[in-house]
Amino acid sequence: MVTRRHLLAAAVALATVPAGLAGVVCTWWAQPPQAPLRNLSASEVAFFDALAEAIFPPGGIPELSGREAGVCRYIDGVLAGMAETQRDLFRLSLHALNTLAYKQVGATLPDLDAGQVAEVLRGWLTAADGNLRGLAQSLHILVGMAFLAHPGVSPVVAGQFGCGFGDPDGG
């Protein structure tokens, strides 16, 4: 779950990105949700699909990819439980990262292939800026939680968890 601490880190990360990214607010504000989702816009879904596909590419075990697992539905549900200000900061941070990717490699995450997205993500995860690094880590964890919660994934990984996670019999 995304905490206030994560959102504060996102806000601080936004403050540390180059001044040229100030226009991010204009691109993000009032984007309608992509049906049937209640919170994530089409551009935010594309951002998470690209991120999920880079973190969980097709062909693994299970063969389900991050995009196919529909991590956006999970993340949309997480956002539904947040206060409006937290939800707005979270969504704004996605647009800031997408704009940062454009500044770094000349394309937003949805316009890159999974290998390129993975490379951008690696850069963020190892960035000298702790705020950027923390935001990237938080998103990486959130995508991982969403993937593991998918009913096609959790039984496959159940043996890795002594607590019974993913075991249809509960342990």
N, C-alpha and C. Protein backbone atom coordinates (compact mmCIF):
# COMPACT_ATOMS: atom_id res chain seq x y z
N MET A 1 0.83 -1.17 0.00
CA MET A 1 0.00 0.00 0.00
C MET A 1 0.88 1.24 0.00
N VAL A 2 0.46 2.20 -0.71
CA VAL A 2 1.20 3.46 -0.77
C VAL A 2 0.85 4.27 0.48
N THR A 3 1.85 4.72 1.18
CA THR A 3 1.63 5.46 2.41
C THR A 3 1.81 6.95 2.17
N ARG A 4 1.46 7.73 3.18
CA ARG A 4 1.68 9.17 3.10
C ARG A 4 3.15 9.47 2.89
N ARG A 5 3.99 8.67 3.48
CA ARG A 5 5.44 8.87 3.32
C ARG A 5 5.85 8.74 1.86
N HIS A 6 5.28 7.75 1.16
CA HIS A 6 5.58 7.58 -0.26
C HIS A 6 5.10 8.79 -1.05
N LEU A 7 3.91 9.26 -0.72
CA LEU A 7 3.37 10.39 -1.44
C LEU A 7 4.15 11.66 -1.17
N LEU A 8 4.61 11.82 0.06
CA LEU A 8 5.45 12.98 0.36
C LEU A 8 6.76 12.89 -0.42
N ALA A 9 7.30 11.67 -0.52
CA ALA A 9 8.51 11.49 -1.31
C ALA A 9 8.24 11.84 -2.77
N ALA A 10 7.06 11.49 -3.27
CA ALA A 10 6.69 11.84 -4.64
C ALA A 10 6.63 13.35 -4.81
N ALA A 11 6.03 14.01 -3.84
CA ALA A 11 5.93 15.48 -3.91
C ALA A 11 7.32 16.11 -3.90
N VAL A 12 8.20 15.60 -3.05
CA VAL A 12 9.55 16.14 -3.00
C VAL A 12 10.28 15.82 -4.29
N ALA A 13 10.05 14.62 -4.82
CA ALA A 13 10.70 14.26 -6.09
C ALA A 13 10.25 15.20 -7.19
N LEU A 14 8.99 15.56 -7.18
CA LEU A 14 8.49 16.50 -8.18
C LEU A 14 9.21 17.84 -8.06
N ALA A 15 9.51 18.22 -6.83
CA ALA A 15 10.19 19.49 -6.61
C ALA A 15 11.64 19.43 -7.06
N THR A 16 12.21 18.23 -7.18
CA THR A 16 13.62 18.11 -7.53
C THR A 16 13.86 17.88 -9.01
N VAL A 17 12.77 17.62 -9.79
CA VAL A 17 12.96 17.40 -11.22
C VAL A 17 13.22 18.73 -11.90
N PRO A 18 13.79 18.71 -13.08
CA PRO A 18 14.14 19.95 -13.76
C PRO A 18 12.96 20.89 -13.93
N ALA A 19 13.24 22.17 -13.95
CA ALA A 19 12.20 23.19 -14.05
C ALA A 19 11.37 23.02 -15.31
N GLY A 20 11.91 22.48 -16.35
CA GLY A 20 11.18 22.27 -17.59
C GLY A 20 10.01 21.32 -17.46
N LEU A 21 9.93 20.62 -16.34
CA LEU A 21 8.83 19.68 -16.14
C LEU A 21 7.63 20.33 -15.49
N ALA A 22 7.67 21.62 -15.27
CA ALA A 22 6.56 22.30 -14.61
C ALA A 22 5.26 22.14 -15.39
N GLY A 23 5.35 21.95 -16.68
CA GLY A 23 4.16 21.78 -17.51
C GLY A 23 3.45 20.46 -17.27
N VAL A 24 4.02 19.59 -16.46
CA VAL A 24 3.41 18.30 -16.18
C VAL A 24 2.00 18.49 -15.62
N VAL A 25 1.82 19.46 -14.76
CA VAL A 25 0.52 19.67 -14.13
C VAL A 25 -0.53 19.92 -15.20
N CYS A 26 -0.18 20.67 -16.22
CA CYS A 26 -1.14 20.97 -17.28
C CYS A 26 -1.55 19.73 -18.05
N THR A 27 -0.65 18.78 -18.25
CA THR A 27 -0.97 17.58 -19.00
C THR A 27 -1.76 16.58 -18.17
N TRP A 28 -1.65 16.67 -16.87
CA TRP A 28 -2.27 15.69 -15.99
C TRP A 28 -3.66 16.12 -15.52
N TRP A 29 -3.83 17.38 -15.29
CA TRP A 29 -5.03 17.87 -14.62
C TRP A 29 -6.30 17.47 -15.37
N ALA A 30 -7.26 16.93 -14.62
CA ALA A 30 -8.61 16.62 -15.09
C ALA A 30 -8.68 15.59 -16.21
N GLN A 31 -7.71 14.71 -16.31
CA GLN A 31 -7.82 13.62 -17.28
C GLN A 31 -8.87 12.65 -16.76
N PRO A 32 -9.85 12.29 -17.56
CA PRO A 32 -10.90 11.37 -17.09
C PRO A 32 -10.35 9.95 -16.95
N PRO A 33 -10.94 9.16 -16.05
CA PRO A 33 -10.49 7.77 -15.92
C PRO A 33 -10.84 6.97 -17.17
N GLN A 34 -10.02 5.96 -17.42
CA GLN A 34 -10.28 5.06 -18.54
C GLN A 34 -11.26 3.99 -18.08
N ALA A 35 -12.43 3.95 -18.67
CA ALA A 35 -13.45 2.97 -18.28
C ALA A 35 -12.89 1.56 -18.47
N PRO A 36 -13.14 0.64 -17.60
CA PRO A 36 -14.04 0.70 -16.45
C PRO A 36 -13.36 1.17 -15.15
N LEU A 37 -12.14 1.67 -15.26
CA LEU A 37 -11.43 2.11 -14.05
C LEU A 37 -12.08 3.38 -13.51
N ARG A 38 -11.84 3.64 -12.22
CA ARG A 38 -12.45 4.80 -11.57
C ARG A 38 -11.46 5.93 -11.35
N ASN A 39 -10.16 5.67 -11.47
CA ASN A 39 -9.16 6.68 -11.12
C ASN A 39 -8.09 6.90 -12.18
N LEU A 40 -7.58 5.87 -12.78
CA LEU A 40 -6.47 5.99 -13.71
C LEU A 40 -6.93 6.40 -15.11
N SER A 41 -6.28 7.41 -15.65
CA SER A 41 -6.58 7.85 -17.02
C SER A 41 -5.92 6.92 -18.02
N ALA A 42 -6.24 7.11 -19.29
CA ALA A 42 -5.66 6.27 -20.34
C ALA A 42 -4.13 6.39 -20.37
N SER A 43 -3.61 7.61 -20.18
CA SER A 43 -2.15 7.76 -20.20
C SER A 43 -1.50 7.11 -18.98
N GLU A 44 -2.19 7.11 -17.84
CA GLU A 44 -1.66 6.46 -16.63
C GLU A 44 -1.72 4.94 -16.76
N VAL A 45 -2.76 4.43 -17.39
CA VAL A 45 -2.84 2.99 -17.67
C VAL A 45 -1.69 2.59 -18.59
N ALA A 46 -1.44 3.37 -19.63
CA ALA A 46 -0.34 3.07 -20.56
C ALA A 46 1.01 3.09 -19.83
N PHE A 47 1.18 4.06 -18.91
CA PHE A 47 2.41 4.14 -18.12
C PHE A 47 2.59 2.86 -17.31
N PHE A 48 1.55 2.44 -16.57
CA PHE A 48 1.66 1.24 -15.74
C PHE A 48 1.77 -0.03 -16.57
N ASP A 49 1.09 -0.09 -17.71
CA ASP A 49 1.23 -1.26 -18.58
C ASP A 49 2.68 -1.40 -19.04
N ALA A 50 3.30 -0.28 -19.43
CA ALA A 50 4.69 -0.33 -19.87
C ALA A 50 5.61 -0.74 -18.73
N LEU A 51 5.38 -0.19 -17.56
CA LEU A 51 6.20 -0.53 -16.39
C LEU A 51 6.01 -2.00 -16.02
N ALA A 52 4.75 -2.45 -15.99
CA ALA A 52 4.46 -3.85 -15.62
C ALA A 52 5.06 -4.83 -16.61
N GLU A 53 5.01 -4.48 -17.89
CA GLU A 53 5.55 -5.37 -18.92
C GLU A 53 7.08 -5.46 -18.82
N ALA A 54 7.72 -4.37 -18.41
CA ALA A 54 9.18 -4.38 -18.25
C ALA A 54 9.60 -5.18 -17.01
N ILE A 55 8.81 -5.08 -15.95
CA ILE A 55 9.15 -5.78 -14.71
C ILE A 55 8.79 -7.26 -14.79
N PHE A 56 7.64 -7.56 -15.42
CA PHE A 56 7.18 -8.94 -15.57
C PHE A 56 6.90 -9.21 -17.05
N PRO A 57 7.96 -9.46 -17.84
CA PRO A 57 7.76 -9.71 -19.28
C PRO A 57 7.07 -11.05 -19.51
N PRO A 58 6.47 -11.21 -20.69
CA PRO A 58 5.83 -12.49 -21.00
C PRO A 58 6.85 -13.61 -21.10
N GLY A 59 6.38 -14.82 -20.90
CA GLY A 59 7.23 -15.99 -21.08
C GLY A 59 7.85 -16.55 -19.83
N GLY A 60 7.58 -15.94 -18.69
CA GLY A 60 8.11 -16.46 -17.43
C GLY A 60 7.21 -17.55 -16.88
N ILE A 61 7.36 -17.81 -15.60
CA ILE A 61 6.49 -18.77 -14.92
C ILE A 61 5.78 -18.02 -13.82
N PRO A 62 4.50 -17.83 -13.93
CA PRO A 62 3.61 -18.22 -15.03
C PRO A 62 3.87 -17.37 -16.27
N GLU A 63 3.32 -17.80 -17.39
CA GLU A 63 3.57 -17.11 -18.65
C GLU A 63 2.87 -15.75 -18.73
N LEU A 64 2.04 -15.46 -17.79
CA LEU A 64 1.29 -14.20 -17.73
C LEU A 64 2.25 -13.03 -17.58
N SER A 65 2.10 -12.03 -18.43
CA SER A 65 2.96 -10.84 -18.33
C SER A 65 2.31 -9.83 -17.40
N GLY A 66 3.07 -8.80 -17.06
CA GLY A 66 2.54 -7.75 -16.19
C GLY A 66 1.33 -7.06 -16.77
N ARG A 67 1.37 -6.78 -18.06
CA ARG A 67 0.22 -6.14 -18.73
C ARG A 67 -0.98 -7.07 -18.70
N GLU A 68 -0.75 -8.35 -19.03
CA GLU A 68 -1.85 -9.31 -19.05
C GLU A 68 -2.45 -9.53 -17.66
N ALA A 69 -1.65 -9.35 -16.63
CA ALA A 69 -2.16 -9.51 -15.26
C ALA A 69 -3.07 -8.36 -14.86
N GLY A 70 -3.08 -7.30 -15.65
CA GLY A 70 -3.97 -6.18 -15.37
C GLY A 70 -3.62 -5.44 -14.08
N VAL A 71 -2.35 -5.16 -13.89
CA VAL A 71 -1.94 -4.48 -12.66
C VAL A 71 -2.68 -3.16 -12.48
N CYS A 72 -3.13 -2.57 -13.58
CA CYS A 72 -3.84 -1.28 -13.48
C CYS A 72 -5.13 -1.41 -12.67
N ARG A 73 -5.82 -2.53 -12.80
CA ARG A 73 -7.06 -2.72 -12.02
C ARG A 73 -6.73 -2.72 -10.53
N TYR A 74 -5.66 -3.38 -10.15
CA TYR A 74 -5.25 -3.43 -8.75
C TYR A 74 -4.87 -2.02 -8.26
N ILE A 75 -4.05 -1.33 -9.03
CA ILE A 75 -3.59 0.00 -8.64
C ILE A 75 -4.76 0.97 -8.59
N ASP A 76 -5.70 0.84 -9.52
CA ASP A 76 -6.89 1.68 -9.49
C ASP A 76 -7.67 1.45 -8.19
N GLY A 77 -7.72 0.21 -7.73
CA GLY A 77 -8.39 -0.09 -6.46
C GLY A 77 -7.66 0.52 -5.27
N VAL A 78 -6.33 0.51 -5.31
CA VAL A 78 -5.55 1.14 -4.25
C VAL A 78 -5.85 2.63 -4.21
N LEU A 79 -5.89 3.24 -5.38
CA LEU A 79 -6.18 4.67 -5.46
C LEU A 79 -7.57 5.00 -4.93
N ALA A 80 -8.51 4.10 -5.13
CA ALA A 80 -9.88 4.34 -4.66
C ALA A 80 -9.92 4.49 -3.14
N GLY A 81 -8.98 3.88 -2.45
CA GLY A 81 -8.93 3.96 -0.99
C GLY A 81 -8.16 5.15 -0.46
N MET A 82 -7.62 5.96 -1.34
CA MET A 82 -6.82 7.12 -0.91
C MET A 82 -7.69 8.38 -0.84
N ALA A 83 -7.24 9.30 -0.03
CA ALA A 83 -7.86 10.63 -0.02
C ALA A 83 -7.55 11.30 -1.36
N GLU A 84 -8.39 12.23 -1.75
CA GLU A 84 -8.23 12.87 -3.06
C GLU A 84 -6.85 13.53 -3.23
N THR A 85 -6.35 14.18 -2.21
CA THR A 85 -5.05 14.83 -2.31
C THR A 85 -3.95 13.81 -2.54
N GLN A 86 -3.99 12.70 -1.81
CA GLN A 86 -2.99 11.65 -2.00
C GLN A 86 -3.08 11.08 -3.41
N ARG A 87 -4.30 10.82 -3.84
CA ARG A 87 -4.52 10.26 -5.19
C ARG A 87 -3.98 11.23 -6.25
N ASP A 88 -4.24 12.51 -6.08
CA ASP A 88 -3.75 13.50 -7.04
C ASP A 88 -2.23 13.57 -7.06
N LEU A 89 -1.61 13.54 -5.90
CA LEU A 89 -0.14 13.56 -5.85
C LEU A 89 0.45 12.32 -6.50
N PHE A 90 -0.17 11.19 -6.25
CA PHE A 90 0.29 9.94 -6.84
C PHE A 90 0.22 10.03 -8.36
N ARG A 91 -0.94 10.44 -8.88
CA ARG A 91 -1.12 10.53 -10.32
C ARG A 91 -0.18 11.57 -10.93
N LEU A 92 0.00 12.67 -10.26
CA LEU A 92 0.91 13.71 -10.74
C LEU A 92 2.34 13.17 -10.83
N SER A 93 2.72 12.36 -9.86
CA SER A 93 4.08 11.79 -9.88
C SER A 93 4.28 10.88 -11.08
N LEU A 94 3.23 10.17 -11.51
CA LEU A 94 3.34 9.31 -12.71
C LEU A 94 3.63 10.15 -13.94
N HIS A 95 2.92 11.27 -14.06
CA HIS A 95 3.12 12.14 -15.21
C HIS A 95 4.50 12.80 -15.16
N ALA A 96 4.96 13.14 -13.97
CA ALA A 96 6.29 13.71 -13.84
C ALA A 96 7.35 12.70 -14.27
N LEU A 97 7.19 11.45 -13.85
CA LEU A 97 8.16 10.41 -14.25
C LEU A 97 8.12 10.18 -15.75
N ASN A 98 6.93 10.18 -16.33
CA ASN A 98 6.82 9.98 -17.76
C ASN A 98 7.49 11.13 -18.52
N THR A 99 7.32 12.34 -18.02
CA THR A 99 7.96 13.49 -18.62
C THR A 99 9.48 13.43 -18.42
N LEU A 100 9.90 12.97 -17.26
CA LEU A 100 11.33 12.79 -17.00
C LEU A 100 11.92 11.77 -17.97
N ALA A 101 11.20 10.69 -18.21
CA ALA A 101 11.67 9.69 -19.18
C ALA A 101 11.84 10.34 -20.55
N TYR A 102 10.89 11.18 -20.92
CA TYR A 102 10.98 11.87 -22.21
C TYR A 102 12.23 12.74 -22.26
N LYS A 103 12.49 13.45 -21.17
CA LYS A 103 13.68 14.31 -21.11
C LYS A 103 14.97 13.48 -21.17
N GLN A 104 14.94 12.28 -20.60
CA GLN A 104 16.14 11.44 -20.53
C GLN A 104 16.40 10.69 -21.82
N VAL A 105 15.36 10.11 -22.42
CA VAL A 105 15.57 9.22 -23.57
C VAL A 105 14.78 9.62 -24.81
N GLY A 106 14.03 10.72 -24.75
CA GLY A 106 13.32 11.19 -25.92
C GLY A 106 11.98 10.54 -26.18
N ALA A 107 11.47 9.78 -25.22
CA ALA A 107 10.16 9.13 -25.38
C ALA A 107 9.58 8.84 -24.00
N THR A 108 8.26 8.81 -23.92
CA THR A 108 7.61 8.43 -22.67
C THR A 108 7.65 6.91 -22.55
N LEU A 109 7.41 6.38 -21.35
CA LEU A 109 7.50 4.92 -21.14
C LEU A 109 6.62 4.13 -22.11
N PRO A 110 5.35 4.52 -22.34
CA PRO A 110 4.54 3.72 -23.26
C PRO A 110 5.07 3.67 -24.70
N ASP A 111 5.93 4.62 -25.06
CA ASP A 111 6.48 4.65 -26.42
C ASP A 111 7.78 3.85 -26.55
N LEU A 112 8.24 3.28 -25.46
CA LEU A 112 9.48 2.49 -25.46
C LEU A 112 9.15 1.01 -25.44
N ASP A 113 10.09 0.17 -25.90
CA ASP A 113 9.88 -1.27 -25.74
C ASP A 113 10.24 -1.66 -24.30
N ALA A 114 9.87 -2.86 -23.92
CA ALA A 114 10.03 -3.31 -22.53
C ALA A 114 11.49 -3.24 -22.07
N GLY A 115 12.43 -3.55 -22.93
CA GLY A 115 13.84 -3.47 -22.56
C GLY A 115 14.27 -2.04 -22.28
N GLN A 116 13.80 -1.11 -23.07
CA GLN A 116 14.13 0.30 -22.86
C GLN A 116 13.49 0.81 -21.57
N VAL A 117 12.25 0.40 -21.31
CA VAL A 117 11.58 0.79 -20.06
C VAL A 117 12.36 0.25 -18.88
N ALA A 118 12.80 -1.00 -18.98
CA ALA A 118 13.58 -1.60 -17.89
C ALA A 118 14.87 -0.82 -17.64
N GLU A 119 15.49 -0.35 -18.70
CA GLU A 119 16.73 0.44 -18.56
C GLU A 119 16.46 1.78 -17.89
N VAL A 120 15.38 2.45 -18.28
CA VAL A 120 15.01 3.72 -17.64
C VAL A 120 14.71 3.47 -16.16
N LEU A 121 13.95 2.41 -15.88
CA LEU A 121 13.61 2.09 -14.50
C LEU A 121 14.87 1.80 -13.68
N ARG A 122 15.81 1.05 -14.24
CA ARG A 122 17.09 0.79 -13.54
C ARG A 122 17.79 2.09 -13.18
N GLY A 123 17.77 3.03 -14.11
CA GLY A 123 18.39 4.33 -13.84
C GLY A 123 17.71 5.04 -12.69
N TRP A 124 16.40 4.99 -12.65
CA TRP A 124 15.66 5.63 -11.55
C TRP A 124 15.91 4.92 -10.23
N LEU A 125 15.98 3.59 -10.27
CA LEU A 125 16.19 2.81 -9.04
C LEU A 125 17.58 2.99 -8.45
N THR A 126 18.51 3.46 -9.26
CA THR A 126 19.88 3.68 -8.79
C THR A 126 20.28 5.15 -8.83
N ALA A 127 19.31 6.02 -9.00
CA ALA A 127 19.58 7.46 -9.10
C ALA A 127 20.23 8.00 -7.83
N ALA A 128 21.10 8.98 -8.00
CA ALA A 128 21.72 9.63 -6.85
C ALA A 128 20.68 10.40 -6.03
N ASP A 129 19.64 10.90 -6.69
CA ASP A 129 18.57 11.62 -6.01
C ASP A 129 17.71 10.61 -5.24
N GLY A 130 17.77 10.66 -3.94
CA GLY A 130 17.04 9.71 -3.11
C GLY A 130 15.54 9.80 -3.27
N ASN A 131 15.02 10.97 -3.58
CA ASN A 131 13.58 11.11 -3.78
C ASN A 131 13.12 10.39 -5.04
N LEU A 132 13.86 10.56 -6.11
CA LEU A 132 13.54 9.86 -7.35
C LEU A 132 13.69 8.36 -7.15
N ARG A 133 14.77 7.96 -6.51
CA ARG A 133 15.01 6.54 -6.24
C ARG A 133 13.88 5.95 -5.40
N GLY A 134 13.45 6.65 -4.35
CA GLY A 134 12.38 6.17 -3.49
C GLY A 134 11.05 6.06 -4.21
N LEU A 135 10.76 7.03 -5.07
CA LEU A 135 9.52 6.98 -5.84
C LEU A 135 9.54 5.79 -6.79
N ALA A 136 10.66 5.59 -7.48
CA ALA A 136 10.78 4.45 -8.39
C ALA A 136 10.66 3.13 -7.64
N GLN A 137 11.28 3.04 -6.46
CA GLN A 137 11.17 1.82 -5.66
C GLN A 137 9.73 1.57 -5.24
N SER A 138 9.03 2.62 -4.84
CA SER A 138 7.64 2.47 -4.42
C SER A 138 6.77 1.96 -5.56
N LEU A 139 6.96 2.50 -6.76
CA LEU A 139 6.18 2.05 -7.90
C LEU A 139 6.54 0.61 -8.28
N HIS A 140 7.81 0.27 -8.17
CA HIS A 140 8.26 -1.10 -8.47
C HIS A 140 7.58 -2.08 -7.52
N ILE A 141 7.56 -1.75 -6.25
CA ILE A 141 6.92 -2.61 -5.25
C ILE A 141 5.42 -2.71 -5.50
N LEU A 142 4.78 -1.60 -5.82
CA LEU A 142 3.34 -1.60 -6.08
C LEU A 142 2.99 -2.47 -7.27
N VAL A 143 3.77 -2.39 -8.34
CA VAL A 143 3.54 -3.24 -9.51
C VAL A 143 3.74 -4.71 -9.12
N GLY A 144 4.77 -4.99 -8.32
CA GLY A 144 5.00 -6.36 -7.86
C GLY A 144 3.85 -6.90 -7.02
N MET A 145 3.34 -6.07 -6.13
CA MET A 145 2.18 -6.49 -5.32
C MET A 145 0.98 -6.79 -6.20
N ALA A 146 0.75 -5.92 -7.19
CA ALA A 146 -0.39 -6.12 -8.09
C ALA A 146 -0.25 -7.42 -8.87
N PHE A 147 0.95 -7.70 -9.36
CA PHE A 147 1.19 -8.92 -10.12
C PHE A 147 0.98 -10.16 -9.25
N LEU A 148 1.54 -10.13 -8.05
CA LEU A 148 1.42 -11.29 -7.15
C LEU A 148 -0.01 -11.54 -6.71
N ALA A 149 -0.83 -10.50 -6.68
CA ALA A 149 -2.22 -10.66 -6.25
C ALA A 149 -3.10 -11.28 -7.33
N HIS A 150 -2.64 -11.34 -8.56
CA HIS A 150 -3.45 -11.91 -9.64
C HIS A 150 -3.72 -13.38 -9.35
N PRO A 151 -4.96 -13.84 -9.54
CA PRO A 151 -5.28 -15.23 -9.23
C PRO A 151 -4.51 -16.26 -10.07
N GLY A 152 -3.99 -15.84 -11.21
CA GLY A 152 -3.18 -16.75 -12.02
C GLY A 152 -1.73 -16.81 -11.59
N VAL A 153 -1.32 -15.90 -10.71
CA VAL A 153 0.07 -15.84 -10.27
C VAL A 153 0.23 -16.36 -8.85
N SER A 154 -0.64 -15.93 -7.96
CA SER A 154 -0.45 -16.26 -6.55
C SER A 154 -0.34 -17.76 -6.26
N PRO A 155 -1.13 -18.65 -6.89
CA PRO A 155 -0.92 -20.08 -6.61
C PRO A 155 0.43 -20.61 -7.09
N VAL A 156 0.96 -20.00 -8.15
CA VAL A 156 2.24 -20.44 -8.70
C VAL A 156 3.38 -20.12 -7.73
N VAL A 157 3.28 -18.99 -7.03
CA VAL A 157 4.34 -18.59 -6.11
C VAL A 157 4.06 -18.98 -4.67
N ALA A 158 2.95 -19.66 -4.43
CA ALA A 158 2.54 -19.99 -3.06
C ALA A 158 3.62 -20.74 -2.29
N GLY A 159 4.36 -21.59 -2.96
CA GLY A 159 5.39 -22.38 -2.30
C GLY A 159 6.54 -21.54 -1.76
N GLN A 160 6.66 -20.32 -2.23
CA GLN A 160 7.74 -19.44 -1.79
C GLN A 160 7.42 -18.72 -0.48
N PHE A 161 6.17 -18.82 -0.05
CA PHE A 161 5.72 -18.08 1.12
C PHE A 161 5.26 -19.03 2.23
N GLY A 162 5.94 -19.00 3.35
CA GLY A 162 5.57 -19.85 4.48
C GLY A 162 4.28 -19.39 5.15
N CYS A 163 3.82 -18.19 4.86
CA CYS A 163 2.63 -17.66 5.50
C CYS A 163 1.34 -18.16 4.86
N GLY A 164 1.44 -18.83 3.72
CA GLY A 164 0.25 -19.34 3.06
C GLY A 164 -0.26 -18.45 1.94
N PHE A 165 0.42 -17.33 1.65
CA PHE A 165 0.00 -16.46 0.56
C PHE A 165 -0.09 -17.25 -0.73
N GLY A 166 -1.19 -17.11 -1.43
CA GLY A 166 -1.37 -17.74 -2.72
C GLY A 166 -1.85 -19.17 -2.64
N ASP A 167 -1.84 -19.76 -1.46
CA ASP A 167 -2.31 -21.14 -1.30
C ASP A 167 -3.83 -21.11 -1.24
N PRO A 168 -4.49 -21.78 -2.19
CA PRO A 168 -5.96 -21.72 -2.20
C PRO A 168 -6.59 -22.29 -0.92
N ASP A 169 -5.85 -23.12 -0.20
CA ASP A 169 -6.37 -23.69 1.04
C ASP A 169 -6.02 -22.83 2.25
N GLY A 170 -5.30 -21.72 2.01
CA GLY A 170 -4.95 -20.82 3.10
C GLY A 170 -3.77 -21.24 3.94
N GLY A 171 -2.99 -22.18 3.51
CA GLY A 171 -1.78 -22.49 4.26
C GLY A 171 -1.59 -23.91 4.35
